Amino acid sequence: MPRAAEWLNDYLEKQIRPQNVVGETDRRWRPADLTPVKINVDAACFEGRGTGWGVVVRDEEGRCLLAGVKRSRIHWEPDLAEAKAIEYGLELARRFSWLEVEMESDCLGVIHTIRREEEGRTELGCLCATLRAQAQDLVKVIRNFTGRGKNQVAHAMAQVEGNWGEKDIWVDNPPIFIVPLLREDLFTNSDST
């Protein structure tokens, strides 16, 4: 019975959307408030083929510092895939020495699980505990939920198909297919300020 209650609690938590969540009222990306860079992450599950993870790192002016995609032949469940996207974002933050980051995901359930800071008894809970431990290597990590509209560049990166089991990283020069999305974000943000 305790396991059933845990599953029900997880399900209900994913169904409830707080009213005051970042990304609920506007649909465009915003720069980080308290850190020099913002990392947006997303996952895409390709039925029968595998999973892709997209990461986009931008500075306070919205310039794309890095875009990355990682692919696996393993088909992960959606919540686990989203958590693995955060793991990939943390991996790149460490690799490129970004020690103060704001990390955004459009998966509210995963963000809540990471923030709960309790030992997980589910596969997702265990992975989120690992993510919390990995984030301790960094000076500051702020984890936020964001609406899908604000995460569309990372979503586009996660959708990139290529050789399964490989990673592609673009530094300071984003791939051409996300440039219109990046420009749209900058244009929209300059209009609203």
N, C-alpha and C. Protein backbone atom coordinates (compact mmCIF):
# COMPACT_ATOMS: atom_id res chain seq x y z
N MET A 1 0.81 -1.21 0.00
CA MET A 1 0.00 0.00 0.00
C MET A 1 0.85 1.27 0.00
N PRO A 2 1.98 1.35 0.75
CA PRO A 2 2.77 2.57 0.71
C PRO A 2 3.27 2.89 -0.70
N ARG A 3 3.60 1.88 -1.49
CA ARG A 3 4.08 2.10 -2.84
C ARG A 3 2.97 2.70 -3.71
N ALA A 4 1.75 2.22 -3.56
CA ALA A 4 0.62 2.76 -4.31
C ALA A 4 0.38 4.22 -3.94
N ALA A 5 0.51 4.53 -2.66
CA ALA A 5 0.33 5.91 -2.21
C ALA A 5 1.41 6.80 -2.81
N GLU A 6 2.64 6.29 -2.90
CA GLU A 6 3.74 7.07 -3.49
C GLU A 6 3.46 7.34 -4.97
N TRP A 7 2.99 6.32 -5.70
CA TRP A 7 2.67 6.51 -7.11
C TRP A 7 1.54 7.52 -7.28
N LEU A 8 0.52 7.42 -6.44
CA LEU A 8 -0.60 8.36 -6.52
C LEU A 8 -0.12 9.78 -6.23
N ASN A 9 0.72 9.94 -5.22
CA ASN A 9 1.26 11.25 -4.88
C ASN A 9 2.06 11.82 -6.04
N ASP A 10 2.91 10.99 -6.68
CA ASP A 10 3.68 11.45 -7.84
C ASP A 10 2.76 11.87 -8.97
N TYR A 11 1.72 11.06 -9.22
CA TYR A 11 0.77 11.38 -10.29
C TYR A 11 0.07 12.71 -10.01
N LEU A 12 -0.43 12.87 -8.80
CA LEU A 12 -1.16 14.10 -8.46
C LEU A 12 -0.25 15.32 -8.56
N GLU A 13 0.99 15.17 -8.12
CA GLU A 13 1.93 16.30 -8.17
C GLU A 13 2.15 16.75 -9.61
N LYS A 14 2.18 15.81 -10.54
CA LYS A 14 2.39 16.16 -11.94
C LYS A 14 1.15 16.80 -12.55
N GLN A 15 -0.01 16.55 -11.98
CA GLN A 15 -1.25 17.10 -12.51
C GLN A 15 -1.51 18.52 -12.04
N ILE A 16 -0.97 18.87 -10.89
CA ILE A 16 -1.22 20.19 -10.30
C ILE A 16 -0.20 21.17 -10.83
N ARG A 17 -0.65 22.25 -11.44
CA ARG A 17 0.25 23.27 -11.96
C ARG A 17 0.08 24.53 -11.11
N PRO A 18 1.13 24.90 -10.39
CA PRO A 18 1.02 26.11 -9.57
C PRO A 18 0.69 27.33 -10.42
N GLN A 19 -0.03 28.27 -9.84
CA GLN A 19 -0.44 29.46 -10.56
C GLN A 19 0.71 30.43 -10.79
N ASN A 20 1.68 30.42 -9.91
CA ASN A 20 2.75 31.40 -9.97
C ASN A 20 4.05 30.77 -10.45
N VAL A 21 4.00 30.04 -11.54
CA VAL A 21 5.16 29.34 -12.06
C VAL A 21 5.76 30.14 -13.20
N VAL A 22 7.10 30.18 -13.24
CA VAL A 22 7.79 30.86 -14.33
C VAL A 22 7.28 30.30 -15.65
N GLY A 23 6.95 31.16 -16.58
CA GLY A 23 6.56 30.72 -17.91
C GLY A 23 5.06 30.59 -18.11
N GLU A 24 4.26 30.79 -17.09
CA GLU A 24 2.82 30.61 -17.25
C GLU A 24 2.16 31.79 -17.96
N THR A 25 2.67 33.00 -17.80
CA THR A 25 1.98 34.15 -18.38
C THR A 25 2.59 34.60 -19.70
N ASP A 26 3.89 34.51 -19.88
CA ASP A 26 4.46 34.87 -21.17
C ASP A 26 5.11 33.65 -21.80
N ARG A 27 5.35 33.74 -23.08
CA ARG A 27 5.77 32.55 -23.81
C ARG A 27 7.20 32.65 -24.33
N ARG A 28 7.95 33.64 -23.98
CA ARG A 28 9.30 33.79 -24.52
C ARG A 28 10.37 33.65 -23.45
N TRP A 29 11.50 33.17 -23.88
CA TRP A 29 12.66 32.98 -23.03
C TRP A 29 13.08 34.30 -22.38
N ARG A 30 13.54 34.23 -21.16
CA ARG A 30 14.06 35.40 -20.44
C ARG A 30 15.46 35.07 -19.93
N PRO A 31 16.35 36.07 -19.85
CA PRO A 31 17.70 35.83 -19.31
C PRO A 31 17.63 35.43 -17.84
N ALA A 32 18.70 34.82 -17.39
CA ALA A 32 18.81 34.44 -15.98
C ALA A 32 18.81 35.70 -15.12
N ASP A 33 18.20 35.60 -13.95
CA ASP A 33 18.15 36.73 -13.03
C ASP A 33 19.37 36.79 -12.11
N LEU A 34 19.83 35.64 -11.66
CA LEU A 34 20.84 35.61 -10.60
C LEU A 34 22.15 34.93 -10.99
N THR A 35 22.28 34.51 -12.23
CA THR A 35 23.49 33.83 -12.67
C THR A 35 23.91 34.37 -14.03
N PRO A 36 25.19 34.17 -14.41
CA PRO A 36 25.65 34.68 -15.70
C PRO A 36 25.07 33.93 -16.91
N VAL A 37 24.69 32.67 -16.73
CA VAL A 37 24.15 31.90 -17.86
C VAL A 37 22.88 31.17 -17.47
N LYS A 38 22.06 30.93 -18.50
CA LYS A 38 20.87 30.11 -18.33
C LYS A 38 21.00 28.92 -19.26
N ILE A 39 20.69 27.75 -18.72
CA ILE A 39 20.74 26.52 -19.49
C ILE A 39 19.32 25.98 -19.61
N ASN A 40 18.82 25.88 -20.83
CA ASN A 40 17.52 25.27 -21.08
C ASN A 40 17.75 23.86 -21.60
N VAL A 41 16.96 22.93 -21.08
CA VAL A 41 17.10 21.53 -21.48
C VAL A 41 15.74 20.95 -21.85
N ASP A 42 15.76 19.94 -22.70
CA ASP A 42 14.54 19.23 -23.05
C ASP A 42 14.90 17.85 -23.57
N ALA A 43 13.90 16.98 -23.60
CA ALA A 43 14.08 15.61 -24.09
C ALA A 43 13.05 15.33 -25.16
N ALA A 44 13.38 14.40 -26.04
CA ALA A 44 12.45 13.92 -27.06
C ALA A 44 12.56 12.41 -27.12
N CYS A 45 11.43 11.74 -27.04
CA CYS A 45 11.40 10.28 -27.11
C CYS A 45 10.93 9.86 -28.50
N PHE A 46 11.76 9.08 -29.18
CA PHE A 46 11.45 8.61 -30.52
C PHE A 46 11.06 7.14 -30.41
N GLU A 47 9.78 6.86 -30.54
CA GLU A 47 9.25 5.51 -30.36
C GLU A 47 10.00 4.51 -31.23
N GLY A 48 10.55 3.49 -30.57
CA GLY A 48 11.23 2.43 -31.27
C GLY A 48 12.64 2.76 -31.73
N ARG A 49 13.09 4.00 -31.54
CA ARG A 49 14.42 4.38 -32.00
C ARG A 49 15.33 4.85 -30.88
N GLY A 50 14.81 5.56 -29.89
CA GLY A 50 15.66 6.04 -28.82
C GLY A 50 15.18 7.35 -28.24
N THR A 51 16.12 8.07 -27.62
CA THR A 51 15.82 9.32 -26.93
C THR A 51 16.87 10.36 -27.30
N GLY A 52 16.43 11.62 -27.41
CA GLY A 52 17.35 12.72 -27.66
C GLY A 52 17.24 13.75 -26.56
N TRP A 53 18.37 14.39 -26.24
CA TRP A 53 18.39 15.45 -25.22
C TRP A 53 18.98 16.71 -25.85
N GLY A 54 18.31 17.83 -25.65
CA GLY A 54 18.79 19.09 -26.17
C GLY A 54 19.15 20.04 -25.05
N VAL A 55 20.24 20.77 -25.24
CA VAL A 55 20.72 21.75 -24.27
C VAL A 55 21.07 23.03 -25.02
N VAL A 56 20.62 24.16 -24.48
CA VAL A 56 20.98 25.46 -25.04
C VAL A 56 21.43 26.34 -23.88
N VAL A 57 22.62 26.92 -24.02
CA VAL A 57 23.19 27.79 -22.99
C VAL A 57 23.28 29.19 -23.57
N ARG A 58 22.69 30.16 -22.83
CA ARG A 58 22.72 31.56 -23.29
C ARG A 58 23.20 32.47 -22.17
N ASP A 59 23.81 33.57 -22.58
CA ASP A 59 24.25 34.56 -21.59
C ASP A 59 23.13 35.54 -21.27
N GLU A 60 23.45 36.56 -20.48
CA GLU A 60 22.43 37.51 -20.02
C GLU A 60 21.86 38.37 -21.15
N GLU A 61 22.54 38.41 -22.29
CA GLU A 61 22.04 39.15 -23.44
C GLU A 61 21.30 38.25 -24.44
N GLY A 62 21.22 36.97 -24.13
CA GLY A 62 20.51 36.04 -24.99
C GLY A 62 21.36 35.39 -26.07
N ARG A 63 22.66 35.71 -26.08
CA ARG A 63 23.54 35.08 -27.07
C ARG A 63 23.71 33.60 -26.76
N CYS A 64 23.66 32.80 -27.80
CA CYS A 64 23.83 31.36 -27.63
C CYS A 64 25.31 31.04 -27.48
N LEU A 65 25.69 30.59 -26.29
CA LEU A 65 27.07 30.22 -26.02
C LEU A 65 27.35 28.78 -26.44
N LEU A 66 26.31 27.95 -26.35
CA LEU A 66 26.47 26.54 -26.66
C LEU A 66 25.11 25.93 -26.97
N ALA A 67 25.10 25.04 -27.91
CA ALA A 67 23.92 24.21 -28.19
C ALA A 67 24.42 22.78 -28.31
N GLY A 68 23.72 21.87 -27.68
CA GLY A 68 24.16 20.48 -27.72
C GLY A 68 23.01 19.52 -27.84
N VAL A 69 23.29 18.39 -28.45
CA VAL A 69 22.31 17.31 -28.55
C VAL A 69 23.04 16.01 -28.26
N LYS A 70 22.37 15.15 -27.53
CA LYS A 70 22.90 13.84 -27.20
C LYS A 70 21.81 12.83 -27.52
N ARG A 71 22.20 11.71 -28.11
CA ARG A 71 21.22 10.71 -28.51
C ARG A 71 21.56 9.35 -27.92
N SER A 72 20.53 8.61 -27.58
CA SER A 72 20.72 7.26 -27.04
C SER A 72 19.75 6.31 -27.74
N ARG A 73 20.18 5.10 -27.98
CA ARG A 73 19.29 4.09 -28.56
C ARG A 73 18.26 3.60 -27.54
N ILE A 74 18.47 3.92 -26.28
CA ILE A 74 17.54 3.51 -25.23
C ILE A 74 16.32 4.43 -25.26
N HIS A 75 15.15 3.82 -25.22
CA HIS A 75 13.91 4.61 -25.16
C HIS A 75 13.55 4.79 -23.69
N TRP A 76 13.80 5.98 -23.14
CA TRP A 76 13.53 6.28 -21.74
C TRP A 76 12.08 6.70 -21.59
N GLU A 77 11.51 6.43 -20.43
CA GLU A 77 10.19 6.97 -20.10
C GLU A 77 10.30 8.49 -20.08
N PRO A 78 9.24 9.23 -20.41
CA PRO A 78 9.34 10.70 -20.54
C PRO A 78 9.95 11.42 -19.33
N ASP A 79 9.51 11.11 -18.10
CA ASP A 79 10.07 11.80 -16.93
C ASP A 79 11.55 11.50 -16.76
N LEU A 80 11.93 10.25 -16.96
CA LEU A 80 13.35 9.90 -16.85
C LEU A 80 14.15 10.57 -17.96
N ALA A 81 13.58 10.65 -19.15
CA ALA A 81 14.26 11.33 -20.26
C ALA A 81 14.49 12.81 -19.92
N GLU A 82 13.49 13.45 -19.33
CA GLU A 82 13.63 14.86 -18.94
C GLU A 82 14.71 15.03 -17.87
N ALA A 83 14.75 14.11 -16.92
CA ALA A 83 15.79 14.16 -15.89
C ALA A 83 17.17 13.95 -16.51
N LYS A 84 17.26 13.06 -17.50
CA LYS A 84 18.54 12.83 -18.19
C LYS A 84 18.95 14.08 -18.97
N ALA A 85 17.99 14.86 -19.46
CA ALA A 85 18.33 16.12 -20.14
C ALA A 85 18.99 17.09 -19.14
N ILE A 86 18.46 17.14 -17.92
CA ILE A 86 19.08 17.97 -16.89
C ILE A 86 20.48 17.47 -16.58
N GLU A 87 20.64 16.15 -16.52
CA GLU A 87 21.96 15.56 -16.30
C GLU A 87 22.94 16.00 -17.40
N TYR A 88 22.49 15.99 -18.65
CA TYR A 88 23.35 16.43 -19.76
C TYR A 88 23.68 17.92 -19.63
N GLY A 89 22.71 18.72 -19.22
CA GLY A 89 22.97 20.14 -19.00
C GLY A 89 24.02 20.37 -17.92
N LEU A 90 23.93 19.61 -16.83
CA LEU A 90 24.93 19.71 -15.76
C LEU A 90 26.31 19.25 -16.25
N GLU A 91 26.32 18.20 -17.05
CA GLU A 91 27.58 17.70 -17.62
C GLU A 91 28.27 18.79 -18.44
N LEU A 92 27.50 19.48 -19.27
CA LEU A 92 28.08 20.55 -20.09
C LEU A 92 28.49 21.76 -19.26
N ALA A 93 27.72 22.07 -18.21
CA ALA A 93 28.10 23.18 -17.33
C ALA A 93 29.47 22.91 -16.70
N ARG A 94 29.66 21.69 -16.22
CA ARG A 94 30.96 21.34 -15.64
C ARG A 94 32.07 21.35 -16.69
N ARG A 95 31.78 20.78 -17.84
CA ARG A 95 32.79 20.68 -18.91
C ARG A 95 33.28 22.06 -19.36
N PHE A 96 32.37 23.04 -19.42
CA PHE A 96 32.74 24.37 -19.88
C PHE A 96 32.94 25.36 -18.74
N SER A 97 33.01 24.85 -17.51
CA SER A 97 33.32 25.64 -16.31
C SER A 97 32.33 26.76 -16.03
N TRP A 98 31.05 26.52 -16.30
CA TRP A 98 30.01 27.45 -15.87
C TRP A 98 29.60 27.00 -14.48
N LEU A 99 30.06 27.71 -13.47
CA LEU A 99 29.85 27.27 -12.09
C LEU A 99 28.60 27.85 -11.46
N GLU A 100 28.05 28.91 -12.06
CA GLU A 100 26.80 29.51 -11.58
C GLU A 100 25.82 29.50 -12.73
N VAL A 101 24.80 28.66 -12.62
CA VAL A 101 23.86 28.51 -13.73
C VAL A 101 22.43 28.49 -13.23
N GLU A 102 21.54 28.94 -14.11
CA GLU A 102 20.11 28.76 -13.91
C GLU A 102 19.69 27.71 -14.93
N MET A 103 19.11 26.63 -14.47
CA MET A 103 18.72 25.51 -15.32
C MET A 103 17.20 25.51 -15.44
N GLU A 104 16.69 25.46 -16.68
CA GLU A 104 15.25 25.42 -16.88
C GLU A 104 14.86 24.18 -17.67
N SER A 105 13.76 23.58 -17.22
CA SER A 105 13.16 22.43 -17.89
C SER A 105 11.66 22.67 -17.96
N ASP A 106 11.02 22.09 -18.97
CA ASP A 106 9.57 22.23 -19.06
C ASP A 106 8.84 21.03 -18.45
N CYS A 107 9.55 20.26 -17.62
CA CYS A 107 8.94 19.11 -16.94
C CYS A 107 8.78 19.42 -15.45
N LEU A 108 7.62 19.87 -15.09
CA LEU A 108 7.34 20.29 -13.71
C LEU A 108 7.55 19.16 -12.70
N GLY A 109 7.13 17.95 -13.04
CA GLY A 109 7.28 16.81 -12.12
C GLY A 109 8.73 16.54 -11.76
N VAL A 110 9.62 16.63 -12.73
CA VAL A 110 11.04 16.39 -12.47
C VAL A 110 11.62 17.51 -11.61
N ILE A 111 11.27 18.77 -11.93
CA ILE A 111 11.77 19.89 -11.12
C ILE A 111 11.31 19.74 -9.67
N HIS A 112 10.04 19.37 -9.45
CA HIS A 112 9.55 19.16 -8.09
C HIS A 112 10.30 18.02 -7.40
N THR A 113 10.56 16.94 -8.12
CA THR A 113 11.26 15.80 -7.52
C THR A 113 12.67 16.19 -7.12
N ILE A 114 13.34 16.97 -7.96
CA ILE A 114 14.70 17.43 -7.62
C ILE A 114 14.66 18.34 -6.40
N ARG A 115 13.71 19.25 -6.36
CA ARG A 115 13.63 20.21 -5.25
C ARG A 115 13.24 19.57 -3.92
N ARG A 116 12.55 18.45 -3.94
CA ARG A 116 12.08 17.82 -2.70
C ARG A 116 13.22 17.39 -1.78
N GLU A 117 14.37 17.11 -2.35
CA GLU A 117 15.56 16.74 -1.58
C GLU A 117 15.32 15.60 -0.59
N GLU A 118 14.63 14.59 -1.06
CA GLU A 118 14.47 13.39 -0.24
C GLU A 118 14.96 12.21 -1.06
N GLU A 119 15.36 11.17 -0.38
CA GLU A 119 15.83 9.99 -1.08
C GLU A 119 14.68 9.38 -1.86
N GLY A 120 14.94 9.05 -3.09
CA GLY A 120 13.90 8.48 -3.92
C GLY A 120 13.82 6.98 -3.81
N ARG A 121 12.61 6.49 -3.89
CA ARG A 121 12.41 5.04 -3.91
C ARG A 121 12.00 4.57 -5.29
N THR A 122 11.86 5.51 -6.21
CA THR A 122 11.55 5.17 -7.58
C THR A 122 12.80 5.43 -8.42
N GLU A 123 12.78 4.96 -9.65
CA GLU A 123 13.92 5.20 -10.54
C GLU A 123 14.12 6.71 -10.74
N LEU A 124 13.01 7.44 -10.91
CA LEU A 124 13.10 8.89 -11.07
C LEU A 124 13.65 9.54 -9.81
N GLY A 125 13.18 9.12 -8.65
CA GLY A 125 13.67 9.68 -7.39
C GLY A 125 15.16 9.46 -7.21
N CYS A 126 15.64 8.27 -7.57
CA CYS A 126 17.08 7.97 -7.46
C CYS A 126 17.89 8.82 -8.43
N LEU A 127 17.39 8.97 -9.66
CA LEU A 127 18.09 9.80 -10.63
C LEU A 127 18.13 11.25 -10.18
N CYS A 128 17.04 11.76 -9.63
CA CYS A 128 17.01 13.15 -9.15
C CYS A 128 17.94 13.35 -7.96
N ALA A 129 18.07 12.35 -7.10
CA ALA A 129 19.04 12.43 -6.00
C ALA A 129 20.46 12.51 -6.56
N THR A 130 20.73 11.76 -7.62
CA THR A 130 22.03 11.81 -8.27
C THR A 130 22.27 13.19 -8.87
N LEU A 131 21.24 13.78 -9.47
CA LEU A 131 21.37 15.12 -10.05
C LEU A 131 21.69 16.16 -8.98
N ARG A 132 21.04 16.04 -7.82
CA ARG A 132 21.34 16.96 -6.73
C ARG A 132 22.81 16.83 -6.32
N ALA A 133 23.30 15.60 -6.25
CA ALA A 133 24.70 15.39 -5.87
C ALA A 133 25.64 15.95 -6.93
N GLN A 134 25.32 15.75 -8.21
CA GLN A 134 26.16 16.28 -9.29
C GLN A 134 26.19 17.80 -9.28
N ALA A 135 25.09 18.43 -8.91
CA ALA A 135 25.02 19.89 -8.89
C ALA A 135 25.90 20.49 -7.79
N GLN A 136 26.29 19.69 -6.80
CA GLN A 136 27.12 20.21 -5.73
C GLN A 136 28.53 20.57 -6.20
N ASP A 137 28.92 20.08 -7.38
CA ASP A 137 30.22 20.45 -7.96
C ASP A 137 30.22 21.91 -8.38
N LEU A 138 29.05 22.45 -8.61
CA LEU A 138 28.93 23.82 -9.09
C LEU A 138 28.71 24.77 -7.92
N VAL A 139 29.01 26.04 -8.10
CA VAL A 139 28.85 27.03 -7.04
C VAL A 139 27.38 27.32 -6.77
N LYS A 140 26.62 27.52 -7.85
CA LYS A 140 25.21 27.87 -7.70
C LYS A 140 24.43 27.25 -8.86
N VAL A 141 23.38 26.52 -8.52
CA VAL A 141 22.48 25.98 -9.54
C VAL A 141 21.07 26.31 -9.11
N ILE A 142 20.38 27.04 -9.93
CA ILE A 142 18.98 27.36 -9.68
C ILE A 142 18.17 26.55 -10.68
N ARG A 143 17.24 25.75 -10.18
CA ARG A 143 16.43 24.90 -11.05
C ARG A 143 15.03 25.47 -11.14
N ASN A 144 14.58 25.71 -12.34
CA ASN A 144 13.25 26.30 -12.54
C ASN A 144 12.46 25.52 -13.58
N PHE A 145 11.15 25.56 -13.39
CA PHE A 145 10.23 25.10 -14.41
C PHE A 145 9.99 26.26 -15.35
N THR A 146 9.85 25.96 -16.63
CA THR A 146 9.49 26.97 -17.60
C THR A 146 8.45 26.39 -18.55
N GLY A 147 7.60 27.23 -19.07
CA GLY A 147 6.60 26.77 -20.03
C GLY A 147 7.25 26.33 -21.33
N ARG A 148 6.55 25.51 -22.07
CA ARG A 148 7.09 24.98 -23.32
C ARG A 148 7.45 26.09 -24.30
N GLY A 149 6.68 27.17 -24.34
CA GLY A 149 6.97 28.27 -25.26
C GLY A 149 8.33 28.89 -25.01
N LYS A 150 8.75 28.92 -23.76
CA LYS A 150 10.06 29.49 -23.40
C LYS A 150 11.18 28.49 -23.59
N ASN A 151 10.84 27.25 -23.89
CA ASN A 151 11.84 26.20 -23.99
C ASN A 151 11.93 25.66 -25.42
N GLN A 152 11.41 26.41 -26.38
CA GLN A 152 11.31 25.87 -27.72
C GLN A 152 12.66 25.65 -28.41
N VAL A 153 13.70 26.39 -28.06
CA VAL A 153 15.00 26.19 -28.69
C VAL A 153 15.60 24.86 -28.20
N ALA A 154 15.54 24.61 -26.89
CA ALA A 154 16.03 23.33 -26.37
C ALA A 154 15.19 22.18 -26.92
N HIS A 155 13.90 22.40 -27.08
CA HIS A 155 13.02 21.38 -27.65
C HIS A 155 13.44 21.05 -29.08
N ALA A 156 13.76 22.09 -29.86
CA ALA A 156 14.22 21.87 -31.24
C ALA A 156 15.52 21.08 -31.25
N MET A 157 16.40 21.37 -30.31
CA MET A 157 17.67 20.63 -30.23
C MET A 157 17.42 19.16 -29.89
N ALA A 158 16.50 18.90 -28.98
CA ALA A 158 16.22 17.51 -28.58
C ALA A 158 15.64 16.71 -29.74
N GLN A 159 14.98 17.38 -30.67
CA GLN A 159 14.36 16.71 -31.82
C GLN A 159 15.34 16.36 -32.93
N VAL A 160 16.58 16.84 -32.84
CA VAL A 160 17.56 16.61 -33.89
C VAL A 160 17.89 15.12 -33.97
N GLU A 161 17.71 14.59 -35.13
CA GLU A 161 18.08 13.20 -35.34
C GLU A 161 19.47 13.14 -35.94
N GLY A 162 20.14 12.07 -35.70
CA GLY A 162 21.49 11.89 -36.20
C GLY A 162 21.93 10.49 -35.84
N ASN A 163 23.20 10.32 -35.67
CA ASN A 163 23.73 9.00 -35.31
C ASN A 163 23.44 8.72 -33.84
N TRP A 164 22.73 7.64 -33.60
CA TRP A 164 22.36 7.28 -32.23
C TRP A 164 23.60 6.93 -31.44
N GLY A 165 23.62 7.35 -30.19
CA GLY A 165 24.76 7.10 -29.32
C GLY A 165 25.83 8.16 -29.43
N GLU A 166 25.56 9.24 -30.15
CA GLU A 166 26.55 10.30 -30.32
C GLU A 166 26.06 11.61 -29.74
N LYS A 167 27.02 12.54 -29.61
CA LYS A 167 26.73 13.89 -29.14
C LYS A 167 27.22 14.87 -30.20
N ASP A 168 26.50 15.96 -30.37
CA ASP A 168 26.94 17.06 -31.21
C ASP A 168 26.89 18.32 -30.36
N ILE A 169 27.95 19.12 -30.42
CA ILE A 169 28.01 20.35 -29.63
C ILE A 169 28.47 21.49 -30.54
N TRP A 170 27.74 22.58 -30.48
CA TRP A 170 28.09 23.79 -31.21
C TRP A 170 28.44 24.85 -30.18
N VAL A 171 29.64 25.42 -30.27
CA VAL A 171 30.09 26.44 -29.31
C VAL A 171 30.20 27.77 -30.03
N ASP A 172 29.53 28.80 -29.49
CA ASP A 172 29.55 30.17 -30.00
C ASP A 172 28.97 30.33 -31.41
N ASN A 173 28.59 29.29 -32.05
CA ASN A 173 28.03 29.36 -33.40
C ASN A 173 26.93 28.31 -33.49
N PRO A 174 25.69 28.69 -33.15
CA PRO A 174 24.61 27.70 -33.07
C PRO A 174 24.28 27.09 -34.43
N PRO A 175 23.72 25.91 -34.43
CA PRO A 175 23.32 25.30 -35.70
C PRO A 175 22.26 26.16 -36.38
N ILE A 176 22.30 26.18 -37.68
CA ILE A 176 21.47 27.09 -38.47
C ILE A 176 19.97 26.91 -38.19
N PHE A 177 19.54 25.69 -37.89
CA PHE A 177 18.11 25.46 -37.74
C PHE A 177 17.52 26.07 -36.47
N ILE A 178 18.35 26.46 -35.48
CA ILE A 178 17.79 27.12 -34.29
C ILE A 178 17.95 28.64 -34.32
N VAL A 179 18.71 29.16 -35.29
CA VAL A 179 18.95 30.60 -35.36
C VAL A 179 17.65 31.40 -35.43
N PRO A 180 16.65 31.00 -36.25
CA PRO A 180 15.39 31.78 -36.27
C PRO A 180 14.70 31.79 -34.90
N LEU A 181 14.75 30.68 -34.18
CA LEU A 181 14.13 30.64 -32.84
C LEU A 181 14.87 31.55 -31.87
N LEU A 182 16.20 31.54 -31.92
CA LEU A 182 16.99 32.42 -31.06
C LEU A 182 16.69 33.89 -31.37
N ARG A 183 16.61 34.22 -32.64
CA ARG A 183 16.32 35.61 -33.04
C ARG A 183 14.93 36.02 -32.60
N GLU A 184 13.97 35.13 -32.75
CA GLU A 184 12.60 35.43 -32.33
C GLU A 184 12.56 35.74 -30.84
N ASP A 185 13.28 34.96 -30.04
CA ASP A 185 13.35 35.22 -28.60
C ASP A 185 13.93 36.59 -28.32
N LEU A 186 15.03 36.94 -28.98
CA LEU A 186 15.68 38.24 -28.76
C LEU A 186 14.78 39.38 -29.21
N PHE A 187 14.15 39.23 -30.36
CA PHE A 187 13.26 40.27 -30.88
C PHE A 187 12.07 40.49 -29.95
N THR A 188 11.47 39.40 -29.50
CA THR A 188 10.31 39.48 -28.60
C THR A 188 10.72 40.11 -27.29
N ASN A 189 11.89 39.73 -26.76
CA ASN A 189 12.34 40.29 -25.48
C ASN A 189 12.65 41.77 -25.59
N SER A 190 13.22 42.22 -26.72
CA SER A 190 13.53 43.64 -26.86
C SER A 190 12.25 44.46 -26.99
N ASP A 191 11.19 43.88 -27.54
CA ASP A 191 9.91 44.57 -27.64
C ASP A 191 9.25 44.77 -26.28
N SER A 192 9.47 43.83 -25.37
CA SER A 192 8.75 43.87 -24.09
C SER A 192 9.50 44.63 -23.00
N THR A 193 10.71 45.09 -23.29
CA THR A 193 11.46 45.83 -22.26
C THR A 193 11.40 47.31 -22.49
